[in-house]
């Protein structure tokens, strides 16, 4: 089955914190009624971070990607990359409504960015299919987040 996905970039949090930091720096300048060169350069750095985050978020939303899960095979195709079941150590799920999935491969310390994604279907069929695939191939699925406290599915 083919399912449309989007990458879990977490750029909204970066943009929000950059904006908050920018407002604080602006307020310091207004309250003291002086200009500080350090604040100017810090503001330029914050603007650079915000523009970079916006470009990453725009790219992640505009590029259409798919996950292909086949019942009879032991592979999953994420966009152009094929992941074999024997290479997957654990599948991590974070979040409730729009759960983000990440594949931790054997021999790697952390999941790669290319294997982190969210399903776009609203009826959660992709989520059920990937969990069934993991069960068929004896791959551990771990739910991560404050609401789960590292529970195993």
C-alpha atoms as a PDB file:
ATOM      1  CA  UNK A   1       0.000   0.000   0.000  1.00  0.00           C
ATOM      2  CA  UNK A   2       1.145   3.540  -0.702  1.00  0.00           C
ATOM      3  CA  UNK A   3       0.652   6.223   1.930  1.00  0.00           C
ATOM      4  CA  UNK A   4       1.427   9.893   1.625  1.00  0.00           C
ATOM      5  CA  UNK A   5       3.769  11.222   4.336  1.00  0.00           C
ATOM      6  CA  UNK A   6       5.331  14.435   5.516  1.00  0.00           C
ATOM      7  CA  UNK A   7       8.587  14.827   7.353  1.00  0.00           C
ATOM      8  CA  UNK A   8       8.515  15.650  11.059  1.00  0.00           C
ATOM      9  CA  UNK A   9      10.808  18.686  11.041  1.00  0.00           C
ATOM     10  CA  UNK A  10       9.960  20.317  14.411  1.00  0.00           C
ATOM     11  CA  UNK A  11      10.698  23.674  12.785  1.00  0.00           C
ATOM     12  CA  UNK A  12       7.595  25.294  14.268  1.00  0.00           C
ATOM     13  CA  UNK A  13       9.203  25.124  17.701  1.00  0.00           C
ATOM     14  CA  UNK A  14      12.449  26.627  16.350  1.00  0.00           C
ATOM     15  CA  UNK A  15      10.552  29.464  14.669  1.00  0.00           C
ATOM     16  CA  UNK A  16       8.506  30.147  17.811  1.00  0.00           C
ATOM     17  CA  UNK A  17      11.574  30.264  20.083  1.00  0.00           C
ATOM     18  CA  UNK A  18      13.443  32.478  17.598  1.00  0.00           C
ATOM     19  CA  UNK A  19      10.525  34.881  17.472  1.00  0.00           C
ATOM     20  CA  UNK A  20      10.285  34.933  21.268  1.00  0.00           C
ATOM     21  CA  UNK A  21      14.016  35.598  21.612  1.00  0.00           C
ATOM     22  CA  UNK A  22      13.765  38.362  19.002  1.00  0.00           C
ATOM     23  CA  UNK A  23      10.923  40.065  20.908  1.00  0.00           C
ATOM     24  CA  UNK A  24      12.928  39.922  24.151  1.00  0.00           C
ATOM     25  CA  UNK A  25      15.955  41.522  22.473  1.00  0.00           C
ATOM     26  CA  UNK A  26      13.751  44.233  20.978  1.00  0.00           C
ATOM     27  CA  UNK A  27      12.178  44.960  24.373  1.00  0.00           C
ATOM     28  CA  UNK A  28      15.608  45.277  26.008  1.00  0.00           C
ATOM     29  CA  UNK A  29      16.571  47.872  23.408  1.00  0.00           C
ATOM     30  CA  UNK A  30      13.303  49.784  23.880  1.00  0.00           C
ATOM     31  CA  UNK A  31      13.426  49.765  27.687  1.00  0.00           C
ATOM     32  CA  UNK A  32      17.023  50.936  27.900  1.00  0.00           C
ATOM     33  CA  UNK A  33      16.622  53.380  24.972  1.00  0.00           C
ATOM     34  CA  UNK A  34      20.100  52.498  23.775  1.00  0.00           C
ATOM     35  CA  UNK A  35      21.462  50.459  20.954  1.00  0.00           C
ATOM     36  CA  UNK A  36      23.824  47.626  21.733  1.00  0.00           C
ATOM     37  CA  UNK A  37      25.977  46.160  18.956  1.00  0.00           C
ATOM     38  CA  UNK A  38      25.732  42.741  20.602  1.00  0.00           C
ATOM     39  CA  UNK A  39      21.930  42.848  20.344  1.00  0.00           C
ATOM     40  CA  UNK A  40      22.164  43.844  16.684  1.00  0.00           C
ATOM     41  CA  UNK A  41      24.377  40.882  15.806  1.00  0.00           C
ATOM     42  CA  UNK A  42      22.289  38.543  17.942  1.00  0.00           C
ATOM     43  CA  UNK A  43      19.189  39.782  16.093  1.00  0.00           C
ATOM     44  CA  UNK A  44      20.867  39.076  12.745  1.00  0.00           C
ATOM     45  CA  UNK A  45      21.701  35.556  13.939  1.00  0.00           C
ATOM     46  CA  UNK A  46      18.108  34.990  15.074  1.00  0.00           C
ATOM     47  CA  UNK A  47      16.835  36.242  11.705  1.00  0.00           C
ATOM     48  CA  UNK A  48      19.176  33.825   9.923  1.00  0.00           C
ATOM     49  CA  UNK A  49      17.919  30.925  12.068  1.00  0.00           C
ATOM     50  CA  UNK A  50      14.297  31.893  11.377  1.00  0.00           C
ATOM     51  CA  UNK A  51      14.784  32.150   7.618  1.00  0.00           C
ATOM     52  CA  UNK A  52      16.604  28.799   7.557  1.00  0.00           C
ATOM     53  CA  UNK A  53      13.812  27.160   9.559  1.00  0.00           C
ATOM     54  CA  UNK A  54      11.182  28.638   7.234  1.00  0.00           C
ATOM     55  CA  UNK A  55      13.016  27.344   4.150  1.00  0.00           C
ATOM     56  CA  UNK A  56      13.315  23.851   5.675  1.00  0.00           C
ATOM     57  CA  UNK A  57       9.622  23.836   6.635  1.00  0.00           C
ATOM     58  CA  UNK A  58       8.599  25.085   3.160  1.00  0.00           C
ATOM     59  CA  UNK A  59      10.680  22.379   1.468  1.00  0.00           C
ATOM     60  CA  UNK A  60       9.302  19.645   3.732  1.00  0.00           C
ATOM     61  CA  UNK A  61       5.713  20.700   2.988  1.00  0.00           C
ATOM     62  CA  UNK A  62       6.062  21.202  -0.763  1.00  0.00           C
ATOM     63  CA  UNK A  63       7.853  17.972  -1.668  1.00  0.00           C
ATOM     64  CA  UNK A  64       5.394  15.091  -1.863  1.00  0.00           C
ATOM     65  CA  UNK A  65       6.716  11.844  -0.425  1.00  0.00           C
ATOM     66  CA  UNK A  66       5.264   8.384  -0.035  1.00  0.00           C
ATOM     67  CA  UNK A  67       5.754   5.281   2.064  1.00  0.00           C
ATOM     68  CA  UNK A  68       5.169   1.950   0.370  1.00  0.00           C
ATOM     69  CA  UNK A  69       4.407  -0.953   2.705  1.00  0.00           C
ATOM     70  CA  UNK A  70       3.923  -4.331   1.059  1.00  0.00           C
ATOM     71  CA  UNK A  71       2.349  -7.189   2.989  1.00  0.00           C
ATOM     72  CA  UNK A  72       4.317  -9.936   1.269  1.00  0.00           C
ATOM     73  CA  UNK A  73       7.810  -8.414   1.519  1.00  0.00           C
ATOM     74  CA  UNK A  74      10.139  -7.517   4.359  1.00  0.00           C
ATOM     75  CA  UNK A  75      10.936  -4.043   3.034  1.00  0.00           C
ATOM     76  CA  UNK A  76       9.471  -0.578   3.353  1.00  0.00           C
ATOM     77  CA  UNK A  77      10.182   2.107   0.778  1.00  0.00           C
ATOM     78  CA  UNK A  78      10.339   5.662   2.093  1.00  0.00           C
ATOM     79  CA  UNK A  79      10.448   7.944  -0.934  1.00  0.00           C
ATOM     80  CA  UNK A  80      13.463   6.506  -2.799  1.00  0.00           C
ATOM     81  CA  UNK A  81      15.057   4.579   0.076  1.00  0.00           C
ATOM     82  CA  UNK A  82      14.400   0.918   0.856  1.00  0.00           C
ATOM     83  CA  UNK A  83      14.597  -0.232   4.478  1.00  0.00           C
ATOM     84  CA  UNK A  84      14.785  -3.964   5.146  1.00  0.00           C
ATOM     85  CA  UNK A  85      13.141  -5.466   8.235  1.00  0.00           C
ATOM     86  CA  UNK A  86      16.344  -7.183   9.352  1.00  0.00           C
ATOM     87  CA  UNK A  87      18.116  -3.779   9.451  1.00  0.00           C
ATOM     88  CA  UNK A  88      15.536  -2.170  11.763  1.00  0.00           C
ATOM     89  CA  UNK A  89      16.276  -2.395  15.488  1.00  0.00           C
ATOM     90  CA  UNK A  90      13.246  -0.494  16.765  1.00  0.00           C
ATOM     91  CA  UNK A  91      10.453   1.750  15.492  1.00  0.00           C
ATOM     92  CA  UNK A  92       9.844   4.792  17.672  1.00  0.00           C
ATOM     93  CA  UNK A  93       6.453   6.498  17.745  1.00  0.00           C
ATOM     94  CA  UNK A  94       6.100   9.953  19.288  1.00  0.00           C
ATOM     95  CA  UNK A  95       2.926  11.938  19.616  1.00  0.00           C
ATOM     96  CA  UNK A  96      -0.754  11.119  19.786  1.00  0.00           C
ATOM     97  CA  UNK A  97      -2.888  12.472  16.959  1.00  0.00           C
ATOM     98  CA  UNK A  98      -0.285  13.026  14.291  1.00  0.00           C
ATOM     99  CA  UNK A  99       2.243  10.446  15.404  1.00  0.00           C
ATOM    100  CA  UNK A 100       5.799  10.730  14.124  1.00  0.00           C
ATOM    101  CA  UNK A 101       7.564   7.494  13.228  1.00  0.00           C
ATOM    102  CA  UNK A 102      11.291   6.936  13.171  1.00  0.00           C
ATOM    103  CA  UNK A 103      13.248   3.831  12.266  1.00  0.00           C
ATOM    104  CA  UNK A 104      16.345   3.174  14.351  1.00  0.00           C
ATOM    105  CA  UNK A 105      18.605   0.985  12.282  1.00  0.00           C
ATOM    106  CA  UNK A 106      20.945  -1.597  13.788  1.00  0.00           C
ATOM    107  CA  UNK A 107      24.436  -0.267  14.404  1.00  0.00           C
ATOM    108  CA  UNK A 108      23.312   3.392  14.379  1.00  0.00           C
ATOM    109  CA  UNK A 109      23.119   5.590  17.473  1.00  0.00           C
ATOM    110  CA  UNK A 110      20.079   7.616  16.455  1.00  0.00           C
ATOM    111  CA  UNK A 111      17.435   7.555  13.711  1.00  0.00           C
ATOM    112  CA  UNK A 112      18.286   9.380  10.505  1.00  0.00           C
ATOM    113  CA  UNK A 113      16.246  12.391   9.469  1.00  0.00           C
ATOM    114  CA  UNK A 114      15.177  10.664   6.241  1.00  0.00           C
ATOM    115  CA  UNK A 115      13.475   7.906   8.236  1.00  0.00           C
ATOM    116  CA  UNK A 116      11.409  10.285  10.421  1.00  0.00           C
ATOM    117  CA  UNK A 117       7.936  10.960   9.070  1.00  0.00           C
ATOM    118  CA  UNK A 118       4.245  11.446   9.813  1.00  0.00           C
ATOM    119  CA  UNK A 119       1.345   9.949   7.886  1.00  0.00           C
ATOM    120  CA  UNK A 120      -1.003  12.410   6.220  1.00  0.00           C
ATOM    121  CA  UNK A 121      -4.069  10.152   6.102  1.00  0.00           C
ATOM    122  CA  UNK A 122      -6.729  11.096   8.596  1.00  0.00           C
ATOM    123  CA  UNK A 123      -8.171   7.608   9.090  1.00  0.00           C
ATOM    124  CA  UNK A 124      -4.858   6.227  10.507  1.00  0.00           C
ATOM    125  CA  UNK A 125      -4.695   3.297   8.084  1.00  0.00           C
ATOM    126  CA  UNK A 126      -0.975   3.898   7.499  1.00  0.00           C
ATOM    127  CA  UNK A 127      -0.299   3.760  11.238  1.00  0.00           C
ATOM    128  CA  UNK A 128      -2.132   0.448  11.573  1.00  0.00           C
ATOM    129  CA  UNK A 129      -0.329  -0.983   8.553  1.00  0.00           C
ATOM    130  CA  UNK A 130       3.153  -0.078   9.794  1.00  0.00           C
ATOM    131  CA  UNK A 131       2.424  -1.572  13.236  1.00  0.00           C
ATOM    132  CA  UNK A 132       1.156  -4.789  11.598  1.00  0.00           C
ATOM    133  CA  UNK A 133       4.324  -4.872   9.466  1.00  0.00           C
ATOM    134  CA  UNK A 134       6.466  -4.487  12.593  1.00  0.00           C
ATOM    135  CA  UNK A 135       4.579  -7.297  14.359  1.00  0.00           C
ATOM    136  CA  UNK A 136       4.983  -9.648  11.371  1.00  0.00           C
ATOM    137  CA  UNK A 137       8.742  -9.092  11.384  1.00  0.00           C
ATOM    138  CA  UNK A 138       9.177  -9.066  15.209  1.00  0.00           C
ATOM    139  CA  UNK A 139      10.323  -5.449  15.335  1.00  0.00           C
ATOM    140  CA  UNK A 140       9.884  -3.646  18.619  1.00  0.00           C
ATOM    141  CA  UNK A 141       7.650  -0.531  18.539  1.00  0.00           C
ATOM    142  CA  UNK A 142       8.261   1.995  21.320  1.00  0.00           C
ATOM    143  CA  UNK A 143       5.976   4.938  22.068  1.00  0.00           C
ATOM    144  CA  UNK A 144       7.976   7.965  23.229  1.00  0.00           C
ATOM    145  CA  UNK A 145       6.626  11.131  24.780  1.00  0.00           C
ATOM    146  CA  UNK A 146       5.394  12.686  27.992  1.00  0.00           C
ATOM    147  CA  UNK A 147       2.040  10.934  27.722  1.00  0.00           C
ATOM    148  CA  UNK A 148       3.612   7.491  27.329  1.00  0.00           C
ATOM    149  CA  UNK A 149       6.737   7.383  29.535  1.00  0.00           C
ATOM    150  CA  UNK A 150       8.509   4.968  27.176  1.00  0.00           C
ATOM    151  CA  UNK A 151       5.816   2.297  26.867  1.00  0.00           C
ATOM    152  CA  UNK A 152       6.139  -0.576  24.444  1.00  0.00           C
ATOM    153  CA  UNK A 153       3.296  -1.154  22.018  1.00  0.00           C
END
